[in-house]
Protein backbone atom coordinates (compact mmCIF):
# COMPACT_ATOMS: atom_id res chain seq x y z
CA UNK A 1 96.09 104.38 60.88
CA UNK A 2 93.04 102.19 61.43
CA UNK A 3 92.80 100.80 64.95
CA UNK A 4 93.04 96.99 64.98
CA UNK A 5 92.01 95.04 68.07
CA UNK A 6 93.39 91.62 68.85
CA UNK A 7 91.49 89.25 71.14
CA UNK A 8 93.67 87.17 73.41
CA UNK A 9 92.86 84.21 75.58
CA UNK A 10 94.62 82.80 78.59
CA UNK A 11 93.61 80.27 81.21
CA UNK A 12 93.37 81.12 84.89
CA UNK A 13 92.30 79.24 88.00
CA UNK A 14 88.74 80.07 89.08
CA UNK A 15 89.25 81.31 92.64
CA UNK A 16 92.30 83.53 91.99
CA UNK A 17 90.47 84.96 88.96
CA UNK A 18 87.48 85.88 91.15
CA UNK A 19 89.74 87.45 93.77
CA UNK A 20 91.52 89.51 91.08
CA UNK A 21 88.10 90.78 90.00
CA UNK A 22 87.09 92.10 93.42
CA UNK A 23 85.35 89.07 94.92
CA UNK A 24 85.97 87.69 98.40
CA UNK A 25 86.28 83.89 98.19
CA UNK A 26 86.07 81.52 101.16
CA UNK A 27 86.02 77.73 101.12
CA UNK A 28 83.09 76.30 103.08
CA UNK A 29 83.30 72.59 102.24
CA UNK A 30 84.45 70.05 99.71
CA UNK A 31 84.39 71.87 96.37
CA UNK A 32 82.06 74.57 97.76
CA UNK A 33 82.98 78.24 98.00
CA UNK A 34 81.20 81.31 99.31
CA UNK A 35 81.81 84.22 96.93
CA UNK A 36 80.84 87.78 97.88
CA UNK A 37 81.17 91.13 96.16
CA UNK A 38 80.67 94.37 98.05
CA UNK A 39 77.33 94.30 99.91
CA UNK A 40 75.64 91.71 97.68
CA UNK A 41 74.26 88.42 98.97
CA UNK A 42 76.83 85.62 98.80
CA UNK A 43 76.90 83.30 95.82
CA UNK A 44 77.72 79.71 96.70
CA UNK A 45 79.71 77.90 94.04
CA UNK A 46 79.99 74.15 93.77
CA UNK A 47 82.24 72.46 91.24
CA UNK A 48 81.81 68.84 90.21
CA UNK A 49 83.00 66.97 87.16
CA UNK A 50 82.61 69.36 84.22
CA UNK A 51 80.04 71.69 85.79
CA UNK A 52 80.00 74.69 88.05
CA UNK A 53 76.83 75.44 90.01
CA UNK A 54 75.87 78.83 91.42
CA UNK A 55 73.29 79.44 94.15
CA UNK A 56 72.09 82.50 96.07
CA UNK A 57 70.01 81.80 99.19
CA UNK A 58 67.09 84.26 99.38
CA UNK A 59 65.74 82.78 102.60
CA UNK A 60 62.80 80.82 103.89
CA UNK A 61 59.54 82.16 102.49
CA UNK A 62 57.10 79.79 104.23
CA UNK A 63 55.59 82.64 106.26
CA UNK A 64 54.58 84.53 103.09
CA UNK A 65 54.16 81.57 100.74
CA UNK A 66 51.08 81.62 98.54
CA UNK A 67 49.97 80.46 95.14
CA UNK A 68 50.24 84.08 93.94
CA UNK A 69 53.80 84.44 95.25
CA UNK A 70 54.97 81.23 93.60
CA UNK A 71 53.23 82.20 90.36
CA UNK A 72 54.94 85.60 90.46
CA UNK A 73 58.34 83.97 91.06
CA UNK A 74 57.82 81.58 88.15
CA UNK A 75 56.71 84.46 85.97
CA UNK A 76 59.77 86.45 87.02
CA UNK A 77 61.97 83.57 85.82
CA UNK A 78 61.39 84.80 82.27
CA UNK A 79 62.89 88.18 83.20
CA UNK A 80 65.95 87.00 85.12
CA UNK A 81 67.45 84.60 82.58
CA UNK A 82 69.98 82.98 82.57
CA UNK A 83 69.41 82.46 86.31
CA UNK A 84 66.19 81.08 87.74
CA UNK A 85 64.30 80.80 91.00
CA UNK A 86 63.98 77.45 92.70
CA UNK A 87 63.45 75.80 96.06
CA UNK A 88 66.37 74.17 97.86
CA UNK A 89 64.71 71.45 99.89
CA UNK A 90 67.90 69.72 101.08
CA UNK A 91 66.65 70.42 104.62
CA UNK A 92 62.90 69.60 104.49
CA UNK A 93 62.38 71.48 107.77
CA UNK A 94 63.78 74.68 106.24
CA UNK A 95 63.07 74.95 102.49
CA UNK A 96 64.88 77.92 100.97
CA UNK A 97 64.05 80.14 98.02
CA UNK A 98 67.17 80.26 95.86
CA UNK A 99 68.51 81.65 92.63
CA UNK A 100 70.39 79.03 90.63
CA UNK A 101 72.52 78.76 87.52
CA UNK A 102 75.03 76.30 86.13
CA UNK A 103 77.72 76.29 83.46
CA UNK A 104 79.97 73.76 81.85
CA UNK A 105 83.59 74.33 82.80
CA UNK A 106 85.12 73.06 79.56
CA UNK A 107 85.16 76.39 77.73
CA UNK A 108 84.11 78.90 80.38
CA UNK A 109 85.20 82.42 79.48
CA UNK A 110 85.88 85.28 81.85
CA UNK A 111 83.00 87.32 80.44
CA UNK A 112 80.58 84.40 80.74
CA UNK A 113 81.57 83.80 84.36
CA UNK A 114 81.29 87.46 85.35
CA UNK A 115 77.94 87.72 83.55
CA UNK A 116 76.54 85.02 85.84
CA UNK A 117 77.38 87.15 88.88
CA UNK A 118 75.83 90.23 87.26
CA UNK A 119 72.67 88.26 86.42
CA UNK A 120 72.48 86.95 89.99
CA UNK A 121 72.76 90.51 91.32
CA UNK A 122 69.99 91.82 89.05
CA UNK A 123 67.74 88.85 89.85
CA UNK A 124 68.32 89.37 93.58
CA UNK A 125 67.17 92.98 93.24
CA UNK A 126 63.98 91.86 91.44
CA UNK A 127 63.37 89.19 94.08
CA UNK A 128 63.80 91.68 96.90
CA UNK A 129 61.19 93.96 95.33
CA UNK A 130 58.74 91.08 94.87
CA UNK A 131 59.31 89.64 98.34
CA UNK A 132 58.99 93.09 99.97
CA UNK A 133 55.61 93.48 98.32
CA UNK A 134 54.56 89.99 99.48
CA UNK A 135 55.54 90.82 103.07
CA UNK A 136 53.39 93.98 102.97
CA UNK A 137 50.32 92.03 101.81
């Protein structure tokens, strides 16, 4: 008999879904959660209206900042899609290099959500390699 696969769909709450998939989830503020998996850097999730925002804090890079570093980060953006590098300047005294991504929540699938975390992990690895090289120079 030919094998027939049936796709099913069910709706689940975001945080319990993440916990069921091996993530540690902690609330850190109004509609903001810190989500960690194994030894990876935490992903901060913020939910507002119909959007979910993801951010990984890679640290303050002022000590190694240069035109070449920023050019390399922008160039790396083409390799780390769908996430991208940015600067979180919410505290002007401590600007942070971050990885960011956002999604609409209206039709967010489990695979799409988990793919964001995988992309963040891969982009973090590329950033670590680039930043390590910048520190050596």
